[in-house]
Amino acid sequence: MDLIPEKYRYDLEIIRGTAEQIIRDFNFGGFEIIFSGNPHNAFDELKTQIGPVIRKLFTDDRSSFQSLLYRIDINEKDYRHALASLTTSEVEEKLSELIIRREFQKVITRKYFTDTK
């Protein structure tokens, strides 16, 4: 499953911006996410690191889990749908994808409004 539209798949500025946004949001919660800088596997690399954090927070600290989702601004309907219809491992993967997509959307939105000024 593609996490972002093909036209941005290898746009290094967009990829770096998305990775930086993910790193900031997870660092705020005390979790270290590392991006190698390789655009060809960036989103899989980030997804692999996000998944275990999601699982840990969901299992051990629901308050921090909710705070992270709120900070990232994950759509509550999408989040609740994932919880209701998927197994635990599928929820981890789906939420990781939702997080990457949302962070990507933030970067694209910022870029659009910066470029139109």
PDB file of N, CA and C in Angstrom:
ATOM      1  N   MET A   1       0.844  -1.183   0.000  1.00  0.00           N
ATOM      2  CA  MET A   1       0.000   0.000   0.000  1.00  0.00           C
ATOM      3  C   MET A   1       0.888   1.246   0.000  1.00  0.00           C
ATOM      4  N   ASP A   2       0.607   2.143  -0.925  1.00  0.00           N
ATOM      5  CA  ASP A   2       1.379   3.376  -0.989  1.00  0.00           C
ATOM      6  C   ASP A   2       0.893   4.334   0.087  1.00  0.00           C
ATOM      7  N   LEU A   3       1.834   4.893   0.816  1.00  0.00           N
ATOM      8  CA  LEU A   3       1.487   5.797   1.895  1.00  0.00           C
ATOM      9  C   LEU A   3       1.270   7.221   1.415  1.00  0.00           C
ATOM     10  N   ILE A   4       1.918   7.575   0.307  1.00  0.00           N
ATOM     11  CA  ILE A   4       1.760   8.933  -0.223  1.00  0.00           C
ATOM     12  C   ILE A   4       1.600   8.853  -1.742  1.00  0.00           C
ATOM     13  N   PRO A   5       1.037   9.899  -2.342  1.00  0.00           N
ATOM     14  CA  PRO A   5       0.869   9.889  -3.804  1.00  0.00           C
ATOM     15  C   PRO A   5       2.211   9.743  -4.522  1.00  0.00           C
ATOM     16  N   GLU A   6       2.170   9.065  -5.628  1.00  0.00           N
ATOM     17  CA  GLU A   6       3.371   8.747  -6.405  1.00  0.00           C
ATOM     18  C   GLU A   6       4.181   9.995  -6.767  1.00  0.00           C
ATOM     19  N   LYS A   7       3.515  11.106  -7.068  1.00  0.00           N
ATOM     20  CA  LYS A   7       4.257  12.297  -7.505  1.00  0.00           C
ATOM     21  C   LYS A   7       5.163  12.858  -6.408  1.00  0.00           C
ATOM     22  N   TYR A   8       4.932  12.492  -5.141  1.00  0.00           N
ATOM     23  CA  TYR A   8       5.777  12.958  -4.042  1.00  0.00           C
ATOM     24  C   TYR A   8       6.675  11.850  -3.490  1.00  0.00           C
ATOM     25  N   ARG A   9       6.571  10.668  -4.038  1.00  0.00           N
ATOM     26  CA  ARG A   9       7.218   9.483  -3.479  1.00  0.00           C
ATOM     27  C   ARG A   9       8.737   9.669  -3.295  1.00  0.00           C
ATOM     28  N   TYR A  10       9.377  10.386  -4.207  1.00  0.00           N
ATOM     29  CA  TYR A  10      10.827  10.570  -4.110  1.00  0.00           C
ATOM     30  C   TYR A  10      11.235  12.040  -4.046  1.00  0.00           C
ATOM     31  N   ASP A  11      10.316  12.883  -3.655  1.00  0.00           N
ATOM     32  CA  ASP A  11      10.603  14.303  -3.475  1.00  0.00           C
ATOM     33  C   ASP A  11      11.309  14.459  -2.134  1.00  0.00           C
ATOM     34  N   LEU A  12      12.603  14.630  -2.179  1.00  0.00           N
ATOM     35  CA  LEU A  12      13.418  14.626  -0.963  1.00  0.00           C
ATOM     36  C   LEU A  12      12.993  15.704   0.029  1.00  0.00           C
ATOM     37  N   GLU A  13      12.601  16.871  -0.453  1.00  0.00           N
ATOM     38  CA  GLU A  13      12.151  17.940   0.447  1.00  0.00           C
ATOM     39  C   GLU A  13      10.899  17.500   1.230  1.00  0.00           C
ATOM     40  N   ILE A  14       9.948  16.898   0.545  1.00  0.00           N
ATOM     41  CA  ILE A  14       8.709  16.441   1.174  1.00  0.00           C
ATOM     42  C   ILE A  14       8.994  15.278   2.124  1.00  0.00           C
ATOM     43  N   ILE A  15       9.818  14.356   1.686  1.00  0.00           N
ATOM     44  CA  ILE A  15      10.160  13.194   2.525  1.00  0.00           C
ATOM     45  C   ILE A  15      10.870  13.649   3.790  1.00  0.00           C
ATOM     46  N   ARG A  16      11.856  14.506   3.641  1.00  0.00           N
ATOM     47  CA  ARG A  16      12.578  15.014   4.828  1.00  0.00           C
ATOM     48  C   ARG A  16      11.633  15.769   5.761  1.00  0.00           C
ATOM     49  N   GLY A  17      10.791  16.601   5.190  1.00  0.00           N
ATOM     50  CA  GLY A  17       9.839  17.356   6.000  1.00  0.00           C
ATOM     51  C   GLY A  17       8.904  16.445   6.771  1.00  0.00           C
ATOM     52  N   THR A  18       8.429  15.397   6.120  1.00  0.00           N
ATOM     53  CA  THR A  18       7.544  14.435   6.779  1.00  0.00           C
ATOM     54  C   THR A  18       8.287  13.708   7.893  1.00  0.00           C
ATOM     55  N   ALA A  19       9.501  13.273   7.606  1.00  0.00           N
ATOM     56  CA  ALA A  19      10.308  12.586   8.625  1.00  0.00           C
ATOM     57  C   ALA A  19      10.579  13.511   9.809  1.00  0.00           C
ATOM     58  N   GLU A  20      10.920  14.761   9.540  1.00  0.00           N
ATOM     59  CA  GLU A  20      11.185  15.721  10.620  1.00  0.00           C
ATOM     60  C   GLU A  20       9.951  15.950  11.478  1.00  0.00           C
ATOM     61  N   GLN A  21       8.782  16.020  10.842  1.00  0.00           N
ATOM     62  CA  GLN A  21       7.537  16.215  11.591  1.00  0.00           C
ATOM     63  C   GLN A  21       7.257  15.002  12.484  1.00  0.00           C
ATOM     64  N   ILE A  22       7.459  13.811  11.960  1.00  0.00           N
ATOM     65  CA  ILE A  22       7.274  12.581  12.742  1.00  0.00           C
ATOM     66  C   ILE A  22       8.248  12.561  13.915  1.00  0.00           C
ATOM     67  N   ILE A  23       9.494  12.869  13.644  1.00  0.00           N
ATOM     68  CA  ILE A  23      10.525  12.876  14.691  1.00  0.00           C
ATOM     69  C   ILE A  23      10.150  13.864  15.787  1.00  0.00           C
ATOM     70  N   ARG A  24       9.715  15.068  15.414  1.00  0.00           N
ATOM     71  CA  ARG A  24       9.307  16.078  16.405  1.00  0.00           C
ATOM     72  C   ARG A  24       8.152  15.585  17.264  1.00  0.00           C
ATOM     73  N   ASP A  25       7.127  15.067  16.620  1.00  0.00           N
ATOM     74  CA  ASP A  25       5.944  14.649  17.372  1.00  0.00           C
ATOM     75  C   ASP A  25       6.226  13.464  18.292  1.00  0.00           C
ATOM     76  N   PHE A  26       7.031  12.533  17.846  1.00  0.00           N
ATOM     77  CA  PHE A  26       7.349  11.385  18.699  1.00  0.00           C
ATOM     78  C   PHE A  26       8.369  11.757  19.767  1.00  0.00           C
ATOM     79  N   ASN A  27       9.290  12.662  19.441  1.00  0.00           N
ATOM     80  CA  ASN A  27      10.271  13.112  20.425  1.00  0.00           C
ATOM     81  C   ASN A  27       9.582  13.832  21.576  1.00  0.00           C
ATOM     82  N   PHE A  28       8.521  14.558  21.269  1.00  0.00           N
ATOM     83  CA  PHE A  28       7.743  15.247  22.294  1.00  0.00           C
ATOM     84  C   PHE A  28       7.256  14.250  23.349  1.00  0.00           C
ATOM     85  N   GLY A  29       6.957  13.039  22.913  1.00  0.00           N
ATOM     86  CA  GLY A  29       6.532  11.981  23.826  1.00  0.00           C
ATOM     87  C   GLY A  29       7.686  11.191  24.415  1.00  0.00           C
ATOM     88  N   GLY A  30       8.912  11.572  24.071  1.00  0.00           N
ATOM     89  CA  GLY A  30      10.084  10.896  24.621  1.00  0.00           C
ATOM     90  C   GLY A  30      10.551   9.701  23.815  1.00  0.00           C
ATOM     91  N   PHE A  31      10.072   9.560  22.574  1.00  0.00           N
ATOM     92  CA  PHE A  31      10.464   8.425  21.734  1.00  0.00           C
ATOM     93  C   PHE A  31      11.365   8.896  20.614  1.00  0.00           C
ATOM     94  N   GLU A  32      12.452   8.184  20.428  1.00  0.00           N
ATOM     95  CA  GLU A  32      13.408   8.563  19.396  1.00  0.00           C
ATOM     96  C   GLU A  32      13.088   7.828  18.092  1.00  0.00           C
ATOM     97  N   ILE A  33      12.854   8.583  17.058  1.00  0.00           N
ATOM     98  CA  ILE A  33      12.654   8.063  15.710  1.00  0.00           C
ATOM     99  C   ILE A  33      13.821   8.595  14.883  1.00  0.00           C
ATOM    100  N   ILE A  34      14.451   7.717  14.121  1.00  0.00           N
ATOM    101  CA  ILE A  34      15.636   8.088  13.347  1.00  0.00           C
ATOM    102  C   ILE A  34      15.341   7.898  11.861  1.00  0.00           C
ATOM    103  N   PHE A  35      15.718   8.883  11.074  1.00  0.00           N
ATOM    104  CA  PHE A  35      15.556   8.812   9.625  1.00  0.00           C
ATOM    105  C   PHE A  35      16.927   8.794   8.977  1.00  0.00           C
ATOM    106  N   SER A  36      17.194   7.794   8.157  1.00  0.00           N
ATOM    107  CA  SER A  36      18.504   7.638   7.521  1.00  0.00           C
ATOM    108  C   SER A  36      18.741   8.652   6.407  1.00  0.00           C
ATOM    109  N   GLY A  37      17.661   9.196   5.851  1.00  0.00           N
ATOM    110  CA  GLY A  37      17.802  10.138   4.748  1.00  0.00           C
ATOM    111  C   GLY A  37      17.617   9.496   3.389  1.00  0.00           C
ATOM    112  N   ASN A  38      17.456   8.181   3.344  1.00  0.00           N
ATOM    113  CA  ASN A  38      17.273   7.475   2.085  1.00  0.00           C
ATOM    114  C   ASN A  38      15.814   7.596   1.627  1.00  0.00           C
ATOM    115  N   PRO A  39      15.559   8.320   0.531  1.00  0.00           N
ATOM    116  CA  PRO A  39      14.172   8.530   0.102  1.00  0.00           C
ATOM    117  C   PRO A  39      13.501   7.273  -0.443  1.00  0.00           C
ATOM    118  N   HIS A  40      14.276   6.285  -0.831  1.00  0.00           N
ATOM    119  CA  HIS A  40      13.708   5.089  -1.461  1.00  0.00           C
ATOM    120  C   HIS A  40      13.027   4.150  -0.480  1.00  0.00           C
ATOM    121  N   ASN A  41      13.379   4.227   0.773  1.00  0.00           N
ATOM    122  CA  ASN A  41      12.703   3.370   1.760  1.00  0.00           C
ATOM    123  C   ASN A  41      12.266   4.168   2.987  1.00  0.00           C
ATOM    124  N   ALA A  42      12.164   5.467   2.835  1.00  0.00           N
ATOM    125  CA  ALA A  42      11.891   6.357   3.970  1.00  0.00           C
ATOM    126  C   ALA A  42      10.626   5.990   4.722  1.00  0.00           C
ATOM    127  N   PHE A  43       9.540   5.812   4.026  1.00  0.00           N
ATOM    128  CA  PHE A  43       8.274   5.616   4.707  1.00  0.00           C
ATOM    129  C   PHE A  43       8.182   4.232   5.342  1.00  0.00           C
ATOM    130  N   ASP A  44       8.782   3.236   4.705  1.00  0.00           N
ATOM    131  CA  ASP A  44       8.839   1.912   5.337  1.00  0.00           C
ATOM    132  C   ASP A  44       9.730   1.956   6.577  1.00  0.00           C
ATOM    133  N   GLU A  45      10.829   2.685   6.481  1.00  0.00           N
ATOM    134  CA  GLU A  45      11.743   2.842   7.614  1.00  0.00           C
ATOM    135  C   GLU A  45      11.037   3.513   8.795  1.00  0.00           C
ATOM    136  N   LEU A  46      10.313   4.565   8.516  1.00  0.00           N
ATOM    137  CA  LEU A  46       9.589   5.278   9.575  1.00  0.00           C
ATOM    138  C   LEU A  46       8.454   4.426  10.139  1.00  0.00           C
ATOM    139  N   LYS A  47       7.740   3.749   9.262  1.00  0.00           N
ATOM    140  CA  LYS A  47       6.625   2.901   9.684  1.00  0.00           C
ATOM    141  C   LYS A  47       7.122   1.780  10.613  1.00  0.00           C
ATOM    142  N   THR A  48       8.271   1.212  10.301  1.00  0.00           N
ATOM    143  CA  THR A  48       8.849   0.152  11.120  1.00  0.00           C
ATOM    144  C   THR A  48       9.190   0.650  12.519  1.00  0.00           C
ATOM    145  N   GLN A  49       9.592   1.901  12.648  1.00  0.00           N
ATOM    146  CA  GLN A  49       9.929   2.467  13.957  1.00  0.00           C
ATOM    147  C   GLN A  49       8.696   2.939  14.725  1.00  0.00           C
ATOM    148  N   ILE A  50       7.710   3.429  14.005  1.00  0.00           N
ATOM    149  CA  ILE A  50       6.498   3.936  14.645  1.00  0.00           C
ATOM    150  C   ILE A  50       5.674   2.802  15.246  1.00  0.00           C
ATOM    151  N   GLY A  51       5.583   1.689  14.536  1.00  0.00           N
ATOM    152  CA  GLY A  51       4.745   0.568  14.962  1.00  0.00           C
ATOM    153  C   GLY A  51       4.949   0.124  16.401  1.00  0.00           C
ATOM    154  N   PRO A  52       6.177  -0.190  16.811  1.00  0.00           N
ATOM    155  CA  PRO A  52       6.397  -0.627  18.191  1.00  0.00           C
ATOM    156  C   PRO A  52       6.049   0.438  19.230  1.00  0.00           C
ATOM    157  N   VAL A  53       6.251   1.703  18.901  1.00  0.00           N
ATOM    158  CA  VAL A  53       5.883   2.780  19.828  1.00  0.00           C
ATOM    159  C   VAL A  53       4.369   2.807  20.001  1.00  0.00           C
ATOM    160  N   ILE A  54       3.659   2.690  18.890  1.00  0.00           N
ATOM    161  CA  ILE A  54       2.196   2.665  18.938  1.00  0.00           C
ATOM    162  C   ILE A  54       1.727   1.498  19.814  1.00  0.00           C
ATOM    163  N   ARG A  55       2.299   0.328  19.588  1.00  0.00           N
ATOM    164  CA  ARG A  55       1.918  -0.858  20.362  1.00  0.00           C
ATOM    165  C   ARG A  55       2.172  -0.651  21.843  1.00  0.00           C
ATOM    166  N   LYS A  56       3.355  -0.129  22.178  1.00  0.00           N
ATOM    167  CA  LYS A  56       3.717   0.079  23.584  1.00  0.00           C
ATOM    168  C   LYS A  56       2.768   1.074  24.251  1.00  0.00           C
ATOM    169  N   LEU A  57       2.545   2.196  23.601  1.00  0.00           N
ATOM    170  CA  LEU A  57       1.656   3.206  24.184  1.00  0.00           C
ATOM    171  C   LEU A  57       0.222   2.691  24.295  1.00  0.00           C
ATOM    172  N   PHE A  58      -0.238   2.026  23.268  1.00  0.00           N
ATOM    173  CA  PHE A  58      -1.607   1.513  23.272  1.00  0.00           C
ATOM    174  C   PHE A  58      -1.801   0.498  24.398  1.00  0.00           C
ATOM    175  N   THR A  59      -0.793  -0.322  24.631  1.00  0.00           N
ATOM    176  CA  THR A  59      -0.869  -1.365  25.647  1.00  0.00           C
ATOM    177  C   THR A  59      -0.616  -0.831  27.051  1.00  0.00           C
ATOM    178  N   ASP A  60       0.386   0.042  27.203  1.00  0.00           N
ATOM    179  CA  ASP A  60       0.862   0.424  28.531  1.00  0.00           C
ATOM    180  C   ASP A  60       0.440   1.806  29.012  1.00  0.00           C
ATOM    181  N   ASP A  61       0.119   2.704  28.099  1.00  0.00           N
ATOM    182  CA  ASP A  61      -0.121   4.090  28.517  1.00  0.00           C
ATOM    183  C   ASP A  61      -1.130   4.758  27.582  1.00  0.00           C
ATOM    184  N   ARG A  62      -2.389   4.438  27.793  1.00  0.00           N
ATOM    185  CA  ARG A  62      -3.441   4.953  26.904  1.00  0.00           C
ATOM    186  C   ARG A  62      -3.510   6.472  26.899  1.00  0.00           C
ATOM    187  N   SER A  63      -3.217   7.090  28.018  1.00  0.00           N
ATOM    188  CA  SER A  63      -3.255   8.549  28.087  1.00  0.00           C
ATOM    189  C   SER A  63      -2.217   9.154  27.138  1.00  0.00           C
ATOM    190  N   SER A  64      -0.994   8.648  27.177  1.00  0.00           N
ATOM    191  CA  SER A  64       0.056   9.132  26.271  1.00  0.00           C
ATOM    192  C   SER A  64      -0.269   8.783  24.820  1.00  0.00           C
ATOM    193  N   PHE A  65      -0.869   7.630  24.636  1.00  0.00           N
ATOM    194  CA  PHE A  65      -1.291   7.199  23.301  1.00  0.00           C
ATOM    195  C   PHE A  65      -2.290   8.202  22.724  1.00  0.00           C
ATOM    196  N   GLN A  66      -3.306   8.539  23.513  1.00  0.00           N
ATOM    197  CA  GLN A  66      -4.310   9.511  23.077  1.00  0.00           C
ATOM    198  C   GLN A  66      -3.687  10.884  22.829  1.00  0.00           C
ATOM    199  N   SER A  67      -2.769  11.268  23.693  1.00  0.00           N
ATOM    200  CA  SER A  67      -2.090  12.566  23.534  1.00  0.00           C
ATOM    201  C   SER A  67      -1.308  12.624  22.231  1.00  0.00           C
ATOM    202  N   LEU A  68      -0.630  11.528  21.915  1.00  0.00           N
ATOM    203  CA  LEU A  68       0.142  11.486  20.673  1.00  0.00           C
ATOM    204  C   LEU A  68      -0.779  11.609  19.463  1.00  0.00           C
ATOM    205  N   LEU A  69      -1.862  10.849  19.467  1.00  0.00           N
ATOM    206  CA  LEU A  69      -2.805  10.917  18.342  1.00  0.00           C
ATOM    207  C   LEU A  69      -3.414  12.313  18.226  1.00  0.00           C
ATOM    208  N   TYR A  70      -3.692  12.937  19.362  1.00  0.00           N
ATOM    209  CA  TYR A  70      -4.234  14.294  19.366  1.00  0.00           C
ATOM    210  C   TYR A  70      -3.194  15.279  18.818  1.00  0.00           C
ATOM    211  N   ARG A  71      -1.958  15.136  19.270  1.00  0.00           N
ATOM    212  CA  ARG A  71      -0.875  16.019  18.820  1.00  0.00           C
ATOM    213  C   ARG A  71      -0.685  15.927  17.305  1.00  0.00           C
ATOM    214  N   ILE A  72      -0.737  14.710  16.799  1.00  0.00           N
ATOM    215  CA  ILE A  72      -0.549  14.501  15.360  1.00  0.00           C
ATOM    216  C   ILE A  72      -1.808  14.888  14.590  1.00  0.00           C
ATOM    217  N   ASP A  73      -2.940  14.871  15.262  1.00  0.00           N
ATOM    218  CA  ASP A  73      -4.232  15.224  14.686  1.00  0.00           C
ATOM    219  C   ASP A  73      -4.768  14.113  13.790  1.00  0.00           C
ATOM    220  N   ILE A  74      -4.763  12.897  14.341  1.00  0.00           N
ATOM    221  CA  ILE A  74      -5.341  11.759  13.639  1.00  0.00           C
ATOM    222  C   ILE A  74      -6.855  11.838  13.755  1.00  0.00           C
ATOM    223  N   ASN A  75      -7.536  11.646  12.660  1.00  0.00           N
ATOM    224  CA  ASN A  75      -8.989  11.678  12.625  1.00  0.00           C
ATOM    225  C   ASN A  75      -9.542  10.601  13.562  1.00  0.00           C
ATOM    226  N   GLU A  76     -10.357  11.013  14.515  1.00  0.00           N
ATOM    227  CA  GLU A  76     -10.869  10.076  15.522  1.00  0.00           C
ATOM    228  C   GLU A  76     -11.726   8.983  14.894  1.00  0.00           C
ATOM    229  N   LYS A  77     -12.466   9.314  13.875  1.00  0.00           N
ATOM    230  CA  LYS A  77     -13.296   8.313  13.192  1.00  0.00           C
ATOM    231  C   LYS A  77     -12.414   7.219  12.580  1.00  0.00           C
ATOM    232  N   ASP A  78     -11.321   7.603  11.937  1.00  0.00           N
ATOM    233  CA  ASP A  78     -10.395   6.619  11.343  1.00  0.00           C
ATOM    234  C   ASP A  78      -9.762   5.758  12.431  1.00  0.00           C
ATOM    235  N   TYR A  79      -9.361   6.402  13.508  1.00  0.00           N
ATOM    236  CA  TYR A  79      -8.735   5.701  14.629  1.00  0.00           C
ATOM    237  C   TYR A  79      -9.711   4.694  15.245  1.00  0.00           C
ATOM    238  N   ARG A  80     -10.915   5.134  15.505  1.00  0.00           N
ATOM    239  CA  ARG A  80     -11.920   4.236  16.109  1.00  0.00           C
ATOM    240  C   ARG A  80     -12.288   3.094  15.170  1.00  0.00           C
ATOM    241  N   HIS A  81     -12.359   3.362  13.900  1.00  0.00           N
ATOM    242  CA  HIS A  81     -12.645   2.322  12.915  1.00  0.00           C
ATOM    243  C   HIS A  81     -11.540   1.259  12.932  1.00  0.00           C
ATOM    244  N   ALA A  82     -10.294   1.701  12.993  1.00  0.00           N
ATOM    245  CA  ALA A  82      -9.171   0.759  13.041  1.00  0.00           C
ATOM    246  C   ALA A  82      -9.261  -0.122  14.283  1.00  0.00           C
ATOM    247  N   LEU A  83      -9.567   0.475  15.415  1.00  0.00           N
ATOM    248  CA  LEU A  83      -9.669  -0.289  16.659  1.00  0.00           C
ATOM    249  C   LEU A  83     -10.808  -1.304  16.626  1.00  0.00           C
ATOM    250  N   ALA A  84     -11.896  -0.920  16.005  1.00  0.00           N
ATOM    251  CA  ALA A  84     -13.087  -1.769  16.022  1.00  0.00           C
ATOM    252  C   ALA A  84     -12.996  -2.941  15.053  1.00  0.00           C
ATOM    253  N   SER A  85     -12.265  -2.776  13.974  1.00  0.00           N
ATOM    254  CA  SER A  85     -12.348  -3.771  12.911  1.00  0.00           C
ATOM    255  C   SER A  85     -11.080  -4.570  12.649  1.00  0.00           C
ATOM    256  N   LEU A  86     -10.013  -4.267  13.352  1.00  0.00           N
ATOM    257  CA  LEU A  86      -8.741  -4.918  13.046  1.00  0.00           C
ATOM    258  C   LEU A  86      -8.171  -5.650  14.260  1.00  0.00           C
ATOM    259  N   THR A  87      -7.274  -6.587  13.986  1.00  0.00           N
ATOM    260  CA  THR A  87      -6.548  -7.251  15.070  1.00  0.00           C
ATOM    261  C   THR A  87      -5.499  -6.286  15.612  1.00  0.00           C
ATOM    262  N   THR A  88      -4.894  -6.621  16.728  1.00  0.00           N
ATOM    263  CA  THR A  88      -3.907  -5.737  17.355  1.00  0.00           C
ATOM    264  C   THR A  88      -2.756  -5.412  16.410  1.00  0.00           C
ATOM    265  N   SER A  89      -2.205  -6.408  15.727  1.00  0.00           N
ATOM    266  CA  SER A  89      -1.081  -6.141  14.820  1.00  0.00           C
ATOM    267  C   SER A  89      -1.531  -5.308  13.619  1.00  0.00           C
ATOM    268  N   GLU A  90      -2.762  -5.520  13.160  1.00  0.00           N
ATOM    269  CA  GLU A  90      -3.280  -4.718  12.052  1.00  0.00           C
ATOM    270  C   GLU A  90      -3.512  -3.275  12.490  1.00  0.00           C
ATOM    271  N   VAL A  91      -3.955  -3.086  13.733  1.00  0.00           N
ATOM    272  CA  VAL A  91      -4.161  -1.739  14.266  1.00  0.00           C
ATOM    273  C   VAL A  91      -2.836  -0.992  14.286  1.00  0.00           C
ATOM    274  N   GLU A  92      -1.797  -1.654  14.744  1.00  0.00           N
ATOM    275  CA  GLU A  92      -0.460  -1.041  14.785  1.00  0.00           C
ATOM    276  C   GLU A  92      -0.045  -0.580  13.396  1.00  0.00           C
ATOM    277  N   GLU A  93      -0.221  -1.424  12.401  1.00  0.00           N
ATOM    278  CA  GLU A  93       0.166  -1.076  11.038  1.00  0.00           C
ATOM    279  C   GLU A  93      -0.709   0.046  10.484  1.00  0.00           C
ATOM    280  N   LYS A  94      -2.017  -0.060  10.685  1.00  0.00           N
ATOM    281  CA  LYS A  94      -2.949   0.944  10.173  1.00  0.00           C
ATOM    282  C   LYS A  94      -2.703   2.316  10.813  1.00  0.00           C
ATOM    283  N   LEU A  95      -2.498   2.337  12.128  1.00  0.00           N
ATOM    284  CA  LEU A  95      -2.236   3.615  12.800  1.00  0.00           C
ATOM    285  C   LEU A  95      -0.902   4.203  12.358  1.00  0.00           C
ATOM    286  N   SER A  96       0.094   3.365  12.136  1.00  0.00           N
ATOM    287  CA  SER A  96       1.385   3.858  11.626  1.00  0.00           C
ATOM    288  C   SER A  96       1.182   4.526  10.270  1.00  0.00           C
ATOM    289  N   GLU A  97       0.389   3.901   9.420  1.00  0.00           N
ATOM    290  CA  GLU A  97       0.105   4.479   8.111  1.00  0.00           C
ATOM    291  C   GLU A  97      -0.687   5.780   8.237  1.00  0.00           C
ATOM    292  N   LEU A  98      -1.675   5.798   9.116  1.00  0.00           N
ATOM    293  CA  LEU A  98      -2.459   7.026   9.327  1.00  0.00           C
ATOM    294  C   LEU A  98      -1.566   8.165   9.806  1.00  0.00           C
ATOM    295  N   ILE A  99      -0.630   7.859  10.694  1.00  0.00           N
ATOM    296  CA  ILE A  99       0.289   8.872  11.216  1.00  0.00           C
ATOM    297  C   ILE A  99       1.172   9.415  10.098  1.00  0.00           C
ATOM    298  N   ILE A 100       1.747   8.530   9.300  1.00  0.00           N
ATOM    299  CA  ILE A 100       2.624   8.981   8.211  1.00  0.00           C
ATOM    300  C   ILE A 100       1.835   9.827   7.220  1.00  0.00           C
ATOM    301  N   ARG A 101       0.650   9.382   6.861  1.00  0.00           N
ATOM    302  CA  ARG A 101      -0.179  10.170   5.927  1.00  0.00           C
ATOM    303  C   ARG A 101      -0.515  11.543   6.493  1.00  0.00           C
ATOM    304  N   ARG A 102      -0.873  11.591   7.769  1.00  0.00           N
ATOM    305  CA  ARG A 102      -1.247  12.881   8.382  1.00  0.00           C
ATOM    306  C   ARG A 102      -0.052  13.824   8.442  1.00  0.00           C
ATOM    307  N   GLU A 103       1.100  13.290   8.813  1.00  0.00           N
ATOM    308  CA  GLU A 103       2.310  14.132   8.868  1.00  0.00           C
ATOM    309  C   GLU A 103       2.674  14.621   7.464  1.00  0.00           C
ATOM    310  N   PHE A 104       2.511  13.753   6.475  1.00  0.00           N
ATOM    311  CA  PHE A 104       2.745  14.125   5.084  1.00  0.00           C
ATOM    312  C   PHE A 104       1.801  15.264   4.674  1.00  0.00           C
ATOM    313  N   GLN A 105       0.517  15.136   5.039  1.00  0.00           N
ATOM    314  CA  GLN A 105      -0.458  16.176   4.715  1.00  0.00           C
ATOM    315  C   GLN A 105      -0.067  17.514   5.320  1.00  0.00           C
ATOM    316  N   LYS A 106       0.442  17.489   6.540  1.00  0.00           N
ATOM    317  CA  LYS A 106       0.877  18.736   7.187  1.00  0.00           C
ATOM    318  C   LYS A 106       1.996  19.393   6.389  1.00  0.00           C
ATOM    319  N   VAL A 107       2.952  18.583   5.947  1.00  0.00           N
ATOM    320  CA  VAL A 107       4.096  19.108   5.192  1.00  0.00           C
ATOM    321  C   VAL A 107       3.630  19.689   3.859  1.00  0.00           C
ATOM    322  N   ILE A 108       2.769  18.965   3.167  1.00  0.00           N
ATOM    323  CA  ILE A 108       2.252  19.448   1.878  1.00  0.00           C
ATOM    324  C   ILE A 108       1.467  20.749   2.062  1.00  0.00           C
ATOM    325  N   THR A 109       0.645  20.814   3.087  1.00  0.00           N
ATOM    326  CA  THR A 109      -0.140  22.019   3.354  1.00  0.00           C
ATOM    327  C   THR A 109       0.768  23.203   3.638  1.00  0.00           C
ATOM    328  N   ARG A 110       1.770  22.996   4.493  1.00  0.00           N
ATOM    329  CA  ARG A 110       2.725  24.084   4.789  1.00  0.00           C
ATOM    330  C   ARG A 110       3.437  24.534   3.523  1.00  0.00           C
ATOM    331  N   LYS A 111       3.878  23.578   2.719  1.00  0.00           N
ATOM    332  CA  LYS A 111       4.591  23.903   1.481  1.00  0.00           C
ATOM    333  C   LYS A 111       3.676  24.689   0.532  1.00  0.00           C
ATOM    334  N   TYR A 112       2.446  24.265   0.405  1.00  0.00           N
ATOM    335  CA  TYR A 112       1.507  24.946  -0.481  1.00  0.00           C
ATOM    336  C   TYR A 112       1.322  26.403  -0.061  1.00  0.00           C
ATOM    337  N   PHE A 113       1.087  26.619   1.216  1.00  0.00           N
ATOM    338  CA  PHE A 113       0.832  27.985   1.680  1.00  0.00           C
ATOM    339  C   PHE A 113       2.103  28.829   1.696  1.00  0.00           C
ATOM    340  N   THR A 114       3.252  28.226   1.851  1.00  0.00           N
ATOM    341  CA  THR A 114       4.515  28.952   1.793  1.00  0.00           C
ATOM    342  C   THR A 114       4.811  29.344   0.335  1.00  0.00           C
ATOM    343  N   ASP A 115       4.552  28.421  -0.594  1.00  0.00           N
ATOM    344  CA  ASP A 115       4.826  28.679  -2.003  1.00  0.00           C
ATOM    345  C   ASP A 115       3.865  29.698  -2.623  1.00  0.00           C
ATOM    346  N   THR A 116       2.680  29.881  -2.038  1.00  0.00           N
ATOM    347  CA  THR A 116       1.707  30.803  -2.631  1.00  0.00           C
ATOM    348  C   THR A 116       1.867  32.233  -2.125  1.00  0.00           C
ATOM    349  N   LYS A 117       2.757  32.454  -1.194  1.00  0.00           N
ATOM    350  CA  LYS A 117       2.965  33.801  -0.654  1.00  0.00           C
ATOM    351  C   LYS A 117       3.819  34.623  -1.571  1.00  0.00           C
TER     352      LYS A 117
END
